[in-house]
C-alpha atoms as a PDB file:
ATOM      1  CA  MET A   1      74.390 150.005  79.888  1.00  0.00           C
ATOM      2  CA  VAL A   2      75.095 150.609  83.560  1.00  0.00           C
ATOM      3  CA  LEU A   3      78.737 151.117  84.442  1.00  0.00           C
ATOM      4  CA  ALA A   4      80.190 147.636  84.785  1.00  0.00           C
ATOM      5  CA  GLY A   5      82.702 146.478  87.341  1.00  0.00           C
ATOM      6  CA  ALA A   6      82.776 149.777  89.207  1.00  0.00           C
ATOM      7  CA  ALA A   7      84.628 149.702  92.481  1.00  0.00           C
ATOM      8  CA  ALA A   8      85.169 152.102  95.312  1.00  0.00           C
ATOM      9  CA  ALA A   9      88.295 154.157  95.459  1.00  0.00           C
ATOM     10  CA  CYS A  10      89.809 151.799  97.970  1.00  0.00           C
ATOM     11  CA  GLY A  11      91.563 148.461  98.131  1.00  0.00           C
ATOM     12  CA  GLY A  12      89.882 146.666  95.249  1.00  0.00           C
ATOM     13  CA  ASP A  13      87.903 149.767  94.935  1.00  0.00           C
ATOM     14  CA  ASP A  14      84.645 150.322  94.019  1.00  0.00           C
ATOM     15  CA  ASP A  15      73.023 145.101  92.225  1.00  0.00           C
ATOM     16  CA  GLY A  16      70.259 143.307  93.173  1.00  0.00           C
ATOM     17  CA  GLY A  17      66.858 144.820  93.729  1.00  0.00           C
ATOM     18  CA  ALA A  18      65.537 147.109  96.414  1.00  0.00           C
ATOM     19  CA  SER A  19      62.449 149.174  96.964  1.00  0.00           C
ATOM     20  CA  ALA A  20      62.270 152.235  94.756  1.00  0.00           C
ATOM     21  CA  ALA A  21      62.726 155.693  96.198  1.00  0.00           C
ATOM     22  CA  THR A  22      59.756 157.440  97.729  1.00  0.00           C
ATOM     23  CA  GLU A  23      59.189 161.113  97.107  1.00  0.00           C
ATOM     24  CA  GLY A  24      60.137 163.491  99.903  1.00  0.00           C
ATOM     25  CA  ALA A  25      62.465 161.037 101.659  1.00  0.00           C
ATOM     26  CA  SER A  26      63.754 163.108 104.569  1.00  0.00           C
ATOM     27  CA  GLY A  27      62.901 166.643 103.633  1.00  0.00           C
ATOM     28  CA  THR A  28      59.513 166.709 105.407  1.00  0.00           C
ATOM     29  CA  ASP A  29      58.926 168.300 108.796  1.00  0.00           C
ATOM     30  CA  GLU A  30      57.912 164.912 110.205  1.00  0.00           C
ATOM     31  CA  VAL A  31      61.143 163.222 109.249  1.00  0.00           C
ATOM     32  CA  ALA A  32      63.247 166.179 110.335  1.00  0.00           C
ATOM     33  CA  ALA A  33      61.562 166.104 113.724  1.00  0.00           C
ATOM     34  CA  SER A  34      61.924 162.347 114.147  1.00  0.00           C
ATOM     35  CA  ALA A  35      65.618 162.615 113.339  1.00  0.00           C
ATOM     36  CA  GLU A  36      65.998 164.375 116.676  1.00  0.00           C
ATOM     37  CA  GLY A  37      64.840 161.269 118.607  1.00  0.00           C
ATOM     38  CA  GLU A  38      66.967 158.625 120.252  1.00  0.00           C
ATOM     39  CA  PRO A  39      68.552 155.952 118.042  1.00  0.00           C
ATOM     40  CA  SER A  40      66.768 152.618 118.143  1.00  0.00           C
ATOM     41  CA  GLY A  41      66.495 149.340 116.289  1.00  0.00           C
ATOM     42  CA  THR A  42      69.354 148.125 114.132  1.00  0.00           C
ATOM     43  CA  LEU A  43      71.827 149.692 111.730  1.00  0.00           C
ATOM     44  CA  ASN A  44      73.834 147.446 109.405  1.00  0.00           C
ATOM     45  CA  LEU A  45      76.858 149.393 108.184  1.00  0.00           C
ATOM     46  CA  GLY A  46      79.418 148.559 105.499  1.00  0.00           C
ATOM     47  CA  TYR A  47      82.892 149.964 104.941  1.00  0.00           C
ATOM     48  CA  PHE A  48      86.281 149.093 103.433  1.00  0.00           C
ATOM     49  CA  PRO A  49      89.431 148.334 105.468  1.00  0.00           C
ATOM     50  CA  ASN A  50      91.386 150.947 103.567  1.00  0.00           C
ATOM     51  CA  VAL A  51      93.051 154.281 104.191  1.00  0.00           C
ATOM     52  CA  THR A  52      90.635 156.125 101.872  1.00  0.00           C
ATOM     53  CA  HIS A  53      87.901 154.991 104.293  1.00  0.00           C
ATOM     54  CA  ALA A  54      89.914 156.203 107.301  1.00  0.00           C
ATOM     55  CA  PRO A  55      87.055 158.078 109.048  1.00  0.00           C
ATOM     56  CA  ALA A  56      84.917 154.938 108.808  1.00  0.00           C
ATOM     57  CA  VAL A  57      87.719 152.739 110.138  1.00  0.00           C
ATOM     58  CA  ILE A  58      88.368 155.212 112.962  1.00  0.00           C
ATOM     59  CA  GLY A  59      84.668 155.346 113.790  1.00  0.00           C
ATOM     60  CA  VAL A  60      84.558 151.570 114.130  1.00  0.00           C
ATOM     61  CA  GLU A  61      87.952 151.022 115.761  1.00  0.00           C
ATOM     62  CA  GLU A  62      87.508 153.688 118.427  1.00  0.00           C
ATOM     63  CA  GLY A  63      83.855 152.947 119.156  1.00  0.00           C
ATOM     64  CA  ILE A  64      82.706 156.357 117.920  1.00  0.00           C
ATOM     65  CA  PHE A  65      79.801 154.922 115.925  1.00  0.00           C
ATOM     66  CA  ASP A  66      78.778 152.591 118.765  1.00  0.00           C
ATOM     67  CA  GLU A  67      78.683 155.495 121.184  1.00  0.00           C
ATOM     68  CA  ALA A  68      76.779 157.696 118.745  1.00  0.00           C
ATOM     69  CA  LEU A  69      74.148 155.019 118.097  1.00  0.00           C
ATOM     70  CA  GLY A  70      73.580 154.497 121.826  1.00  0.00           C
ATOM     71  CA  GLU A  71      70.931 151.857 122.449  1.00  0.00           C
ATOM     72  CA  ALA A  72      70.609 150.990 118.766  1.00  0.00           C
ATOM     73  CA  GLU A  73      72.351 147.813 117.626  1.00  0.00           C
ATOM     74  CA  ILE A  74      75.015 148.385 114.992  1.00  0.00           C
ATOM     75  CA  ASN A  75      76.430 145.556 112.887  1.00  0.00           C
ATOM     76  CA  TYR A  76      79.510 146.001 110.713  1.00  0.00           C
ATOM     77  CA  SER A  77      80.388 144.373 107.398  1.00  0.00           C
ATOM     78  CA  THR A  78      83.559 144.944 105.378  1.00  0.00           C
ATOM     79  CA  TYR A  79      83.911 144.793 101.605  1.00  0.00           C
ATOM     80  CA  ASN A  80      86.599 144.851  98.955  1.00  0.00           C
ATOM     81  CA  SER A  81      84.629 146.160  95.981  1.00  0.00           C
ATOM     82  CA  GLY A  82      81.935 148.685  95.272  1.00  0.00           C
ATOM     83  CA  THR A  83      80.035 146.023  93.329  1.00  0.00           C
ATOM     84  CA  GLU A  84      79.719 143.940  96.503  1.00  0.00           C
ATOM     85  CA  VAL A  85      78.465 146.965  98.416  1.00  0.00           C
ATOM     86  CA  GLY A  86      75.884 147.754  95.746  1.00  0.00           C
ATOM     87  CA  GLU A  87      74.537 144.222  95.866  1.00  0.00           C
ATOM     88  CA  ALA A  88      74.433 144.219  99.660  1.00  0.00           C
ATOM     89  CA  ILE A  89      72.697 147.563 100.122  1.00  0.00           C
ATOM     90  CA  LEU A  90      70.157 147.041  97.362  1.00  0.00           C
ATOM     91  CA  SER A  91      69.254 143.580  98.659  1.00  0.00           C
ATOM     92  CA  GLY A  92      68.702 145.006 102.148  1.00  0.00           C
ATOM     93  CA  ALA A  93      71.641 143.115 103.682  1.00  0.00           C
ATOM     94  CA  ILE A  94      73.054 146.437 104.867  1.00  0.00           C
ATOM     95  CA  ASP A  95      71.409 149.781 105.480  1.00  0.00           C
ATOM     96  CA  ALA A  96      74.317 152.122 104.854  1.00  0.00           C
ATOM     97  CA  SER A  97      77.869 152.007 103.577  1.00  0.00           C
ATOM     98  CA  PHE A  98      80.942 154.020 102.783  1.00  0.00           C
ATOM     99  CA  ILE A  99      81.599 153.707  99.064  1.00  0.00           C
ATOM    100  CA  GLY A 100      83.332 155.334  96.092  1.00  0.00           C
ATOM    101  CA  PRO A 101      81.708 157.649  93.541  1.00  0.00           C
ATOM    102  CA  ASN A 102      80.999 155.442  90.537  1.00  0.00           C
ATOM    103  CA  PRO A 103      79.626 152.490  92.525  1.00  0.00           C
ATOM    104  CA  ALA A 104      77.230 154.912  94.210  1.00  0.00           C
ATOM    105  CA  ILE A 105      76.110 156.123  90.784  1.00  0.00           C
ATOM    106  CA  ASN A 106      75.556 152.511  89.757  1.00  0.00           C
ATOM    107  CA  ALA A 107      73.462 151.704  92.811  1.00  0.00           C
ATOM    108  CA  TYR A 108      71.381 154.823  92.353  1.00  0.00           C
ATOM    109  CA  ALA A 109      70.815 154.175  88.655  1.00  0.00           C
ATOM    110  CA  GLU A 110      70.067 150.466  88.911  1.00  0.00           C
ATOM    111  CA  SER A 111      67.610 150.857  91.791  1.00  0.00           C
ATOM    112  CA  ASP A 112      65.642 153.854  90.551  1.00  0.00           C
ATOM    113  CA  GLY A 113      66.854 155.959  93.451  1.00  0.00           C
ATOM    114  CA  ALA A 114      66.785 153.476  96.335  1.00  0.00           C
ATOM    115  CA  ILE A 115      69.944 154.985  97.865  1.00  0.00           C
ATOM    116  CA  ARG A 116      71.005 158.492  98.797  1.00  0.00           C
ATOM    117  CA  ILE A 117      74.365 160.093  99.467  1.00  0.00           C
ATOM    118  CA  VAL A 118      74.053 161.637 102.924  1.00  0.00           C
ATOM    119  CA  SER A 119      77.604 162.842 103.564  1.00  0.00           C
ATOM    120  CA  GLY A 120      81.065 163.110 102.132  1.00  0.00           C
ATOM    121  CA  THR A 121      84.005 161.400 103.815  1.00  0.00           C
ATOM    122  CA  THR A 122      87.236 161.633 101.834  1.00  0.00           C
ATOM    123  CA  SER A 123      88.602 163.731  98.984  1.00  0.00           C
ATOM    124  CA  GLY A 124      91.734 163.188  96.925  1.00  0.00           C
ATOM    125  CA  GLY A 125      94.264 160.396  97.101  1.00  0.00           C
ATOM    126  CA  ALA A 126      94.581 159.165  93.504  1.00  0.00           C
ATOM    127  CA  ALA A 127      97.462 159.495  91.078  1.00  0.00           C
ATOM    128  CA  LEU A 128      99.076 158.230  87.902  1.00  0.00           C
ATOM    129  CA  VAL A 129     102.400 156.716  88.967  1.00  0.00           C
ATOM    130  CA  VAL A 130     104.801 155.756  86.186  1.00  0.00           C
ATOM    131  CA  SER A 131     108.262 154.287  85.726  1.00  0.00           C
ATOM    132  CA  GLU A 132     111.285 156.546  85.930  1.00  0.00           C
ATOM    133  CA  ASP A 133     111.832 156.634  82.155  1.00  0.00           C
ATOM    134  CA  ILE A 134     108.445 158.294  81.572  1.00  0.00           C
ATOM    135  CA  GLU A 135     108.885 161.998  82.170  1.00  0.00           C
ATOM    136  CA  THR A 136     106.042 163.656  80.228  1.00  0.00           C
ATOM    137  CA  PRO A 137     102.617 162.695  78.862  1.00  0.00           C
ATOM    138  CA  GLU A 138     104.201 162.452  75.405  1.00  0.00           C
ATOM    139  CA  ASP A 139     106.236 159.463  76.636  1.00  0.00           C
ATOM    140  CA  LEU A 140     103.095 157.390  77.202  1.00  0.00           C
ATOM    141  CA  ALA A 141     102.458 156.441  73.567  1.00  0.00           C
ATOM    142  CA  GLY A 142     102.554 152.666  73.232  1.00  0.00           C
ATOM    143  CA  THR A 143     102.736 152.031  76.968  1.00  0.00           C
ATOM    144  CA  THR A 144     100.531 149.854  79.165  1.00  0.00           C
ATOM    145  CA  LEU A 145      98.904 151.387  82.222  1.00  0.00           C
ATOM    146  CA  ALA A 146      96.793 149.710  84.881  1.00  0.00           C
ATOM    147  CA  SER A 147      93.598 150.758  86.640  1.00  0.00           C
ATOM    148  CA  PRO A 148      91.611 148.932  89.336  1.00  0.00           C
ATOM    149  CA  SER A 149      88.782 147.802  87.016  1.00  0.00           C
ATOM    150  CA  VAL A 150      86.991 148.871  83.855  1.00  0.00           C
ATOM    151  CA  GLY A 151      84.696 151.764  84.673  1.00  0.00           C
ATOM    152  CA  ASN A 152      85.833 152.233  88.244  1.00  0.00           C
ATOM    153  CA  THR A 153      86.527 155.719  89.544  1.00  0.00           C
ATOM    154  CA  GLN A 154      90.247 155.749  88.750  1.00  0.00           C
ATOM    155  CA  ASP A 155      89.772 153.970  85.423  1.00  0.00           C
ATOM    156  CA  VAL A 156      87.391 156.672  84.246  1.00  0.00           C
ATOM    157  CA  ALA A 157      89.733 159.412  85.459  1.00  0.00           C
ATOM    158  CA  LEU A 158      92.635 157.819  83.569  1.00  0.00           C
ATOM    159  CA  ARG A 159      90.684 157.494  80.316  1.00  0.00           C
ATOM    160  CA  ALA A 160      89.412 161.082  80.534  1.00  0.00           C
ATOM    161  CA  TRP A 161      92.899 162.457  81.172  1.00  0.00           C
ATOM    162  CA  LEU A 162      94.428 160.431  78.341  1.00  0.00           C
ATOM    163  CA  ALA A 163      91.725 161.746  76.000  1.00  0.00           C
ATOM    164  CA  ASP A 164      92.605 165.306  77.015  1.00  0.00           C
ATOM    165  CA  GLU A 165      96.218 164.490  76.152  1.00  0.00           C
ATOM    166  CA  GLY A 166      95.179 163.305  72.694  1.00  0.00           C
ATOM    167  CA  TYR A 167      95.307 159.549  73.256  1.00  0.00           C
ATOM    168  CA  GLU A 168      92.611 157.084  72.266  1.00  0.00           C
ATOM    169  CA  THR A 169      91.727 154.123  74.494  1.00  0.00           C
ATOM    170  CA  ASP A 170      89.086 151.423  74.511  1.00  0.00           C
ATOM    171  CA  VAL A 171      87.707 149.055  77.122  1.00  0.00           C
ATOM    172  CA  SER A 172      89.309 146.023  75.451  1.00  0.00           C
ATOM    173  CA  GLY A 173      92.847 147.302  76.038  1.00  0.00           C
ATOM    174  CA  GLY A 174      93.495 148.724  72.596  1.00  0.00           C
ATOM    175  CA  GLY A 175      94.233 152.243  71.458  1.00  0.00           C
ATOM    176  CA  ASP A 176      97.262 154.486  71.684  1.00  0.00           C
ATOM    177  CA  VAL A 177      97.767 153.577  75.341  1.00  0.00           C
ATOM    178  CA  ALA A 178      96.700 150.128  76.533  1.00  0.00           C
ATOM    179  CA  ILE A 179      94.781 150.076  79.811  1.00  0.00           C
ATOM    180  CA  SER A 180      95.016 146.810  81.742  1.00  0.00           C
ATOM    181  CA  PRO A 181      92.502 146.681  84.614  1.00  0.00           C
ATOM    182  CA  GLN A 182      93.658 144.517  87.530  1.00  0.00           C
ATOM    183  CA  GLU A 183      93.580 144.209  91.285  1.00  0.00           C
ATOM    184  CA  ASN A 184      95.735 146.823  92.979  1.00  0.00           C
ATOM    185  CA  ALA A 185      97.980 144.212  94.608  1.00  0.00           C
ATOM    186  CA  ASP A 186      98.585 142.678  91.173  1.00  0.00           C
ATOM    187  CA  THR A 187      99.322 146.134  89.808  1.00  0.00           C
ATOM    188  CA  LEU A 188     102.081 146.663  92.363  1.00  0.00           C
ATOM    189  CA  ALA A 189     103.659 143.300  91.526  1.00  0.00           C
ATOM    190  CA  ALA A 190     103.404 143.924  87.781  1.00  0.00           C
ATOM    191  CA  PHE A 191     104.921 147.394  88.135  1.00  0.00           C
ATOM    192  CA  ILE A 192     107.858 146.085  90.155  1.00  0.00           C
ATOM    193  CA  ASP A 193     108.408 143.324  87.574  1.00  0.00           C
ATOM    194  CA  GLY A 194     108.193 145.747  84.638  1.00  0.00           C
ATOM    195  CA  GLY A 195     105.025 144.196  83.231  1.00  0.00           C
ATOM    196  CA  ILE A 196     103.262 147.561  83.159  1.00  0.00           C
ATOM    197  CA  ASP A 197     104.560 151.093  82.753  1.00  0.00           C
ATOM    198  CA  GLY A 198     102.377 152.745  85.342  1.00  0.00           C
ATOM    199  CA  ALA A 199      98.959 152.876  86.938  1.00  0.00           C
ATOM    200  CA  TRP A 200      96.238 155.301  87.992  1.00  0.00           C
ATOM    201  CA  VAL A 201      95.412 154.067  91.488  1.00  0.00           C
ATOM    202  CA  PRO A 202      94.017 155.258  94.820  1.00  0.00           C
ATOM    203  CA  GLU A 203      95.932 155.469  98.054  1.00  0.00           C
ATOM    204  CA  PRO A 204      97.728 153.715  99.602  1.00  0.00           C
ATOM    205  CA  TRP A 205      98.659 152.069  96.298  1.00  0.00           C
ATOM    206  CA  ALA A 206      99.969 155.258  94.707  1.00  0.00           C
ATOM    207  CA  THR A 207     102.372 155.703  97.612  1.00  0.00           C
ATOM    208  CA  ARG A 208     103.330 152.014  97.472  1.00  0.00           C
ATOM    209  CA  LEU A 209     104.112 152.253  93.752  1.00  0.00           C
ATOM    210  CA  VAL A 210     106.461 155.115  94.587  1.00  0.00           C
ATOM    211  CA  ASN A 211     108.024 153.675  97.744  1.00  0.00           C
ATOM    212  CA  GLU A 212     108.203 150.018  96.767  1.00  0.00           C
ATOM    213  CA  GLY A 213     108.135 150.174  92.983  1.00  0.00           C
ATOM    214  CA  GLY A 214     110.484 153.083  92.407  1.00  0.00           C
ATOM    215  CA  GLY A 215     107.925 155.024  90.409  1.00  0.00           C
ATOM    216  CA  HIS A 216     107.130 158.699  90.393  1.00  0.00           C
ATOM    217  CA  VAL A 217     103.887 160.659  90.196  1.00  0.00           C
ATOM    218  CA  LEU A 218     103.209 161.935  86.697  1.00  0.00           C
ATOM    219  CA  VAL A 219      99.697 163.161  87.511  1.00  0.00           C
ATOM    220  CA  ASP A 220      98.271 163.940  90.930  1.00  0.00           C
ATOM    221  CA  GLU A 221      94.546 163.850  90.269  1.00  0.00           C
ATOM    222  CA  ALA A 222      93.987 166.671  92.729  1.00  0.00           C
ATOM    223  CA  ASP A 223      95.745 168.973  90.270  1.00  0.00           C
ATOM    224  CA  LEU A 224      92.960 168.349  87.746  1.00  0.00           C
ATOM    225  CA  TRP A 225      90.095 169.561  89.953  1.00  0.00           C
ATOM    226  CA  PRO A 226      89.050 173.015  91.173  1.00  0.00           C
ATOM    227  CA  ASP A 227      90.728 173.688  94.529  1.00  0.00           C
ATOM    228  CA  GLY A 228      92.166 170.150  94.321  1.00  0.00           C
ATOM    229  CA  GLU A 229      88.922 168.646  95.601  1.00  0.00           C
ATOM    230  CA  PHE A 230      87.168 165.559  94.251  1.00  0.00           C
ATOM    231  CA  VAL A 231      85.142 162.888  95.996  1.00  0.00           C
ATOM    232  CA  THR A 232      86.886 159.623  96.794  1.00  0.00           C
ATOM    233  CA  THR A 233      84.608 158.158  99.463  1.00  0.00           C
ATOM    234  CA  HIS A 234      81.182 159.132 100.720  1.00  0.00           C
ATOM    235  CA  LEU A 235      78.366 157.666 102.821  1.00  0.00           C
ATOM    236  CA  ILE A 236      75.250 156.222 101.227  1.00  0.00           C
ATOM    237  CA  VAL A 237      72.080 155.060 102.974  1.00  0.00           C
ATOM    238  CA  ARG A 238      69.032 153.215 101.684  1.00  0.00           C
ATOM    239  CA  THR A 239      66.273 155.708 101.023  1.00  0.00           C
ATOM    240  CA  ASP A 240      63.693 153.673 102.913  1.00  0.00           C
ATOM    241  CA  TYR A 241      66.024 153.431 105.915  1.00  0.00           C
ATOM    242  CA  ILE A 242      66.323 157.232 106.034  1.00  0.00           C
ATOM    243  CA  GLU A 243      62.529 157.416 106.107  1.00  0.00           C
ATOM    244  CA  GLU A 244      62.133 154.746 108.781  1.00  0.00           C
ATOM    245  CA  HIS A 245      65.133 155.516 111.021  1.00  0.00           C
ATOM    246  CA  PRO A 246      66.189 159.147 110.533  1.00  0.00           C
ATOM    247  CA  GLN A 247      67.402 159.313 114.130  1.00  0.00           C
ATOM    248  CA  ASN A 248      69.873 156.507 113.423  1.00  0.00           C
ATOM    249  CA  VAL A 249      71.112 158.237 110.299  1.00  0.00           C
ATOM    250  CA  ARG A 250      71.569 161.424 112.287  1.00  0.00           C
ATOM    251  CA  ALA A 251      73.565 159.582 114.939  1.00  0.00           C
ATOM    252  CA  LEU A 252      75.714 157.883 112.312  1.00  0.00           C
ATOM    253  CA  ILE A 253      76.506 161.155 110.541  1.00  0.00           C
ATOM    254  CA  GLY A 254      77.244 162.788 113.885  1.00  0.00           C
ATOM    255  CA  GLY A 255      79.724 160.013 114.649  1.00  0.00           C
ATOM    256  CA  LEU A 256      81.249 160.419 111.203  1.00  0.00           C
ATOM    257  CA  LEU A 257      81.792 164.138 111.804  1.00  0.00           C
ATOM    258  CA  ASP A 258      83.624 163.291 115.036  1.00  0.00           C
ATOM    259  CA  ALA A 259      85.786 160.729 113.219  1.00  0.00           C
ATOM    260  CA  ILE A 260      86.582 163.245 110.469  1.00  0.00           C
ATOM    261  CA  ASP A 261      87.596 165.762 113.137  1.00  0.00           C
ATOM    262  CA  GLU A 262      90.032 163.251 114.636  1.00  0.00           C
ATOM    263  CA  ALA A 263      91.469 162.383 111.232  1.00  0.00           C
ATOM    264  CA  ASN A 264      92.188 166.070 110.635  1.00  0.00           C
ATOM    265  CA  ASP A 265      93.100 167.257 114.127  1.00  0.00           C
ATOM    266  CA  ASP A 266      95.147 164.333 115.433  1.00  0.00           C
ATOM    267  CA  PRO A 267      96.670 162.575 112.427  1.00  0.00           C
ATOM    268  CA  GLU A 268      99.134 160.509 114.464  1.00  0.00           C
ATOM    269  CA  THR A 269      96.385 158.930 116.579  1.00  0.00           C
ATOM    270  CA  ALA A 270      94.092 158.656 113.567  1.00  0.00           C
ATOM    271  CA  GLN A 271      96.725 156.895 111.460  1.00  0.00           C
ATOM    272  CA  ALA A 272      97.388 154.402 114.249  1.00  0.00           C
ATOM    273  CA  ALA A 273      93.673 153.695 114.672  1.00  0.00           C
ATOM    274  CA  THR A 274      93.232 153.301 110.918  1.00  0.00           C
ATOM    275  CA  ASN A 275      96.186 150.931 110.658  1.00  0.00           C
ATOM    276  CA  ASP A 276      94.936 148.941 113.662  1.00  0.00           C
ATOM    277  CA  GLY A 277      91.543 148.597 112.010  1.00  0.00           C
ATOM    278  CA  ILE A 278      93.012 147.562 108.676  1.00  0.00           C
ATOM    279  CA  GLU A 279      95.268 144.993 110.331  1.00  0.00           C
ATOM    280  CA  ALA A 280      92.421 143.545 112.397  1.00  0.00           C
ATOM    281  CA  ILE A 281      90.436 142.785 109.245  1.00  0.00           C
ATOM    282  CA  THR A 282      93.108 141.990 106.654  1.00  0.00           C
ATOM    283  CA  ALA A 283      95.906 140.663 108.904  1.00  0.00           C
ATOM    284  CA  ASN A 284      98.182 143.103 107.068  1.00  0.00           C
ATOM    285  CA  ARG A 285      99.533 146.355 108.432  1.00  0.00           C
ATOM    286  CA  LEU A 286     100.654 149.261 106.304  1.00  0.00           C
ATOM    287  CA  GLU A 287     104.219 150.447 106.706  1.00  0.00           C
ATOM    288  CA  ASP A 288     104.401 153.682 108.666  1.00  0.00           C
ATOM    289  CA  ALA A 289     105.915 155.450 105.666  1.00  0.00           C
ATOM    290  CA  THR A 290     103.055 154.225 103.484  1.00  0.00           C
ATOM    291  CA  ILE A 291     100.195 155.394 105.661  1.00  0.00           C
ATOM    292  CA  GLN A 292     101.938 158.679 106.404  1.00  0.00           C
ATOM    293  CA  GLY A 293     102.591 159.317 102.718  1.00  0.00           C
ATOM    294  CA  ALA A 294      99.047 158.390 101.748  1.00  0.00           C
ATOM    295  CA  TRP A 295      97.599 160.586 104.518  1.00  0.00           C
ATOM    296  CA  GLU A 296      99.287 163.655 103.061  1.00  0.00           C
ATOM    297  CA  ASN A 297      97.380 163.142  99.806  1.00  0.00           C
ATOM    298  CA  LEU A 298      93.956 162.775 101.413  1.00  0.00           C
ATOM    299  CA  THR A 299      91.485 165.354 102.695  1.00  0.00           C
ATOM    300  CA  PHE A 300      88.795 164.217 105.121  1.00  0.00           C
ATOM    301  CA  THR A 301      85.615 166.234 104.730  1.00  0.00           C
ATOM    302  CA  PRO A 302      81.832 165.868 105.055  1.00  0.00           C
ATOM    303  CA  ASP A 303      81.444 167.812 101.808  1.00  0.00           C
ATOM    304  CA  PRO A 304      80.449 165.283  99.114  1.00  0.00           C
ATOM    305  CA  ILE A 305      81.902 167.607  96.439  1.00  0.00           C
ATOM    306  CA  ALA A 306      78.883 167.074  94.216  1.00  0.00           C
ATOM    307  CA  SER A 307      80.354 168.790  91.166  1.00  0.00           C
ATOM    308  CA  SER A 308      83.076 166.151  90.934  1.00  0.00           C
ATOM    309  CA  LEU A 309      80.512 163.336  91.029  1.00  0.00           C
ATOM    310  CA  GLN A 310      78.673 164.946  88.139  1.00  0.00           C
ATOM    311  CA  GLN A 311      81.904 165.241  86.142  1.00  0.00           C
ATOM    312  CA  SER A 312      82.893 161.660  86.921  1.00  0.00           C
ATOM    313  CA  LYS A 313      79.523 160.494  85.653  1.00  0.00           C
ATOM    314  CA  ASP A 314      79.854 162.552  82.483  1.00  0.00           C
ATOM    315  CA  ASP A 315      83.318 161.086  81.860  1.00  0.00           C
ATOM    316  CA  ALA A 316      81.997 157.564  82.384  1.00  0.00           C
ATOM    317  CA  VAL A 317      79.279 158.213  79.820  1.00  0.00           C
ATOM    318  CA  ALA A 318      81.909 159.433  77.361  1.00  0.00           C
ATOM    319  CA  TYR A 319      84.629 156.833  77.870  1.00  0.00           C
ATOM    320  CA  VAL A 320      83.138 153.585  79.210  1.00  0.00           C
ATOM    321  CA  ALA A 321      79.621 153.708  77.756  1.00  0.00           C
ATOM    322  CA  LEU A 322      77.774 154.366  81.001  1.00  0.00           C
ATOM    323  CA  GLU A 323      74.112 154.954  80.249  1.00  0.00           C
ATOM    324  CA  ASP A 324      73.441 158.550  81.197  1.00  0.00           C
ATOM    325  CA  VAL A 325      71.610 159.069  84.475  1.00  0.00           C
ATOM    326  CA  ASP A 326      70.135 162.160  86.092  1.00  0.00           C
ATOM    327  CA  LEU A 327      71.897 162.604  89.453  1.00  0.00           C
ATOM    328  CA  SER A 328      69.829 165.548  90.673  1.00  0.00           C
ATOM    329  CA  GLY A 329      68.097 163.387  93.317  1.00  0.00           C
ATOM    330  CA  ILE A 330      71.075 161.378  94.541  1.00  0.00           C
ATOM    331  CA  TYR A 331      71.874 163.649  97.506  1.00  0.00           C
ATOM    332  CA  ASP A 332      69.954 163.941 100.765  1.00  0.00           C
ATOM    333  CA  LEU A 333      72.010 166.339 102.859  1.00  0.00           C
ATOM    334  CA  ASP A 334      69.318 167.708 105.192  1.00  0.00           C
ATOM    335  CA  ILE A 335      70.509 165.850 108.281  1.00  0.00           C
ATOM    336  CA  LEU A 336      74.172 166.590 107.585  1.00  0.00           C
ATOM    337  CA  ASN A 337      73.521 170.289 107.111  1.00  0.00           C
ATOM    338  CA  ASP A 338      71.459 170.428 110.283  1.00  0.00           C
ATOM    339  CA  LEU A 339      74.384 168.930 112.211  1.00  0.00           C
ATOM    340  CA  LEU A 340      76.880 171.255 110.525  1.00  0.00           C
ATOM    341  CA  ALA A 341      74.715 174.238 111.471  1.00  0.00           C
ATOM    342  CA  GLU A 342      74.731 173.072 115.100  1.00  0.00           C
ATOM    343  CA  ARG A 343      78.518 173.027 114.945  1.00  0.00           C
ATOM    344  CA  GLY A 344      78.669 176.490 113.412  1.00  0.00           C
ATOM    345  CA  GLU A 345      80.098 175.083 110.186  1.00  0.00           C
ATOM    346  CA  ALA A 346      79.121 175.935 106.627  1.00  0.00           C
ATOM    347  CA  GLU A 347      76.450 173.921 104.862  1.00  0.00           C
ATOM    348  CA  VAL A 348      77.367 171.728 101.903  1.00  0.00           C
ATOM    349  CA  ALA A 349      75.456 171.397  98.653  1.00  0.00           C
ATOM    350  CA  GLY A 350      74.361 168.622  96.339  1.00  0.00           C
ATOM    351  CA  ILE A 351      73.779 168.930  92.617  1.00  0.00           C
ATOM    352  CA  ASP A 352      71.708 171.946  91.510  1.00  0.00           C
ATOM    353  CA  GLN A 353      71.758 173.417  95.004  1.00  0.00           C
END
């Protein structure tokens, strides 16, 4: 089966039909040349009002995407789950979106390649936070831990780590450690009330469990990956949109690179812009200590960190019965690498590159 209930590594974190992928999407000379033209037409862009989508929020809030797209019309939509994004992009309601790893895998698998990952955005920012009486992995036997949803990015990471520690789990909440999938806001309330013993969650919820729930980090997921890097958020675009409007995709990625630069080079301004954008959409503003703490656990990068997506998929196959899918065609990084070369920055690679 396809991974159910996947959600982006965001607030609620992360299918409808769309046209199948066409061979040679943007790798031809014709498409590469047309990508150099002026943006035109319309781009419908999705993103999440969440700190793990900070470059997207900055790009919207500060008008970076609008400026990059020039005369092209850009329409924004916000989402709370990767499932919603998958349905929207595969139905043609949006052309591109920022999204978490496993929902992107779902969309790619369910649509026979109708989407492509065209850039990374965010790495890191997920952790297992537990109550103060849990000091080692051995203390987890018989406990109840939360994740955002069955099969979502953090849920898969939690199940894989528990398996490495010798624990058995199942998707119905049984096993040596019970996993109780729930909305992140419910997780915080349950942790404060003592209804759960911990949770593997994305930022800013990991920081909130520490600051507001009195928990401590037992596992920083970054410690489990080579160089501490794993994909949390990346940018996907409909394959047919890349073919039809490569110049718009180029402008969007160019704007994203500028937003990533601000997130890294001017964190104070970037955090304020991100919080402004989140508040404008959700009517809730993160505490300064929360966004600052979360920011320290995030890395903003155009590198999609393809090896981590492959591993996440393999873990989903092993622990939540995801039907195996070949990801070798999921990346289209030609435009991104062209822009990185113009900036004098190193190219990034997809799978088998």
